Amino acid sequence: MKPVMLSVKELAHELGVSAQSIRRAYWAGLIPGYRFQKMLRFDLALVRQILLERGLSTMRSDRARPAAAADGAQPDQAPVR
């Protein structure tokens, strides 16, 4: 079977992350990819396999962000006066 080669934007959409996150992961060596001139292409099956081996289903962080307070201040910050 021929591999499905995706662009940065297409892979980001498939994994539910930003295109910049895909580029960062590629340059950090976290996901495999292929460079053709200035274009980056990724084998979707290979990237998913690598992520599963690392115990991830996507690259998205599941850390919850704290909810904003009613007055707009962050919970861990004092209000600015």
Protein backbone atom coordinates (compact mmCIF):
# COMPACT_ATOMS: atom_id res chain seq x y z
CA MET A 1 0.00 0.00 0.00
CA LYS A 2 1.25 3.46 -0.90
CA PRO A 3 1.87 5.72 2.13
CA VAL A 4 -0.40 8.72 2.61
CA MET A 5 1.88 11.77 2.60
CA LEU A 6 0.40 14.83 4.28
CA SER A 7 1.50 18.45 4.45
CA VAL A 8 2.12 20.18 7.78
CA LYS A 9 -1.35 21.72 7.73
CA GLU A 10 -3.06 18.44 6.84
CA LEU A 11 -1.23 16.51 9.56
CA ALA A 12 -2.02 19.21 12.10
CA HIS A 13 -5.71 18.89 11.22
CA GLU A 14 -5.60 15.08 11.52
CA LEU A 15 -3.91 15.22 14.94
CA GLY A 16 -5.87 18.19 16.29
CA VAL A 17 -2.89 20.48 16.88
CA SER A 18 -1.49 23.62 15.26
CA ALA A 19 0.79 23.59 12.23
CA GLN A 20 3.48 25.22 14.37
CA SER A 21 3.31 22.28 16.82
CA ILE A 22 3.92 19.89 13.92
CA ARG A 23 6.94 21.91 12.74
CA ARG A 24 8.35 22.07 16.29
CA ALA A 25 7.93 18.32 16.76
CA TYR A 26 9.65 17.63 13.42
CA TRP A 27 12.63 19.90 14.13
CA ALA A 28 12.93 18.44 17.66
CA GLY A 29 13.06 14.93 16.15
CA LEU A 30 9.83 13.80 17.83
CA ILE A 31 8.05 12.82 14.61
CA PRO A 32 9.50 11.55 11.32
CA GLY A 33 9.04 13.54 8.14
CA TYR A 34 10.50 14.11 4.70
CA ARG A 35 11.84 17.36 3.27
CA PHE A 36 11.51 18.13 -0.42
CA GLN A 37 13.18 21.49 -1.04
CA LYS A 38 11.30 23.65 1.47
CA MET A 39 8.23 21.40 1.77
CA LEU A 40 7.68 19.00 4.66
CA ARG A 41 5.65 15.84 4.15
CA PHE A 42 4.60 13.26 6.71
CA ASP A 43 3.49 9.64 6.48
CA LEU A 44 0.30 9.60 8.54
CA ALA A 45 0.51 5.91 9.47
CA LEU A 46 4.15 6.23 10.56
CA VAL A 47 3.50 9.35 12.66
CA ARG A 48 0.51 7.67 14.35
CA GLN A 49 2.62 4.57 15.04
CA ILE A 50 5.37 6.68 16.64
CA LEU A 51 2.84 8.55 18.77
CA LEU A 52 1.23 5.28 19.92
CA GLU A 53 4.65 3.85 20.83
CA ARG A 54 5.14 6.89 23.04
CA GLY A 55 1.73 6.40 24.62
CA LEU A 56 0.04 9.31 22.87
CA SER A 57 -3.01 9.26 20.63
CA THR A 58 -2.35 12.85 19.50
CA MET A 59 0.24 15.47 20.29
CA ARG A 60 -2.32 17.64 22.07
CA SER A 61 -1.76 18.27 25.75
CA ASP A 62 -4.69 17.19 27.91
CA ARG A 63 -3.75 19.54 30.72
CA ALA A 64 -6.77 21.61 31.66
CA ARG A 65 -6.42 25.34 31.76
CA PRO A 66 -7.81 27.09 34.82
CA ALA A 67 -11.14 28.82 34.26
CA ALA A 68 -11.13 32.62 34.27
CA ALA A 69 -12.64 34.35 37.28
CA ALA A 70 -15.82 36.40 36.90
CA ASP A 71 -13.84 39.66 37.00
CA GLY A 72 -11.49 38.42 34.25
CA ALA A 73 -8.47 37.84 36.54
CA GLN A 74 -6.61 34.56 36.36
CA PRO A 75 -7.11 32.39 39.50
CA ASP A 76 -3.41 32.39 40.37
CA GLN A 77 -2.90 36.10 39.78
CA ALA A 78 -3.87 39.09 41.87
CA PRO A 79 -6.09 41.65 40.13
CA VAL A 80 -4.25 44.60 38.60
CA ARG A 81 -5.15 47.93 40.17
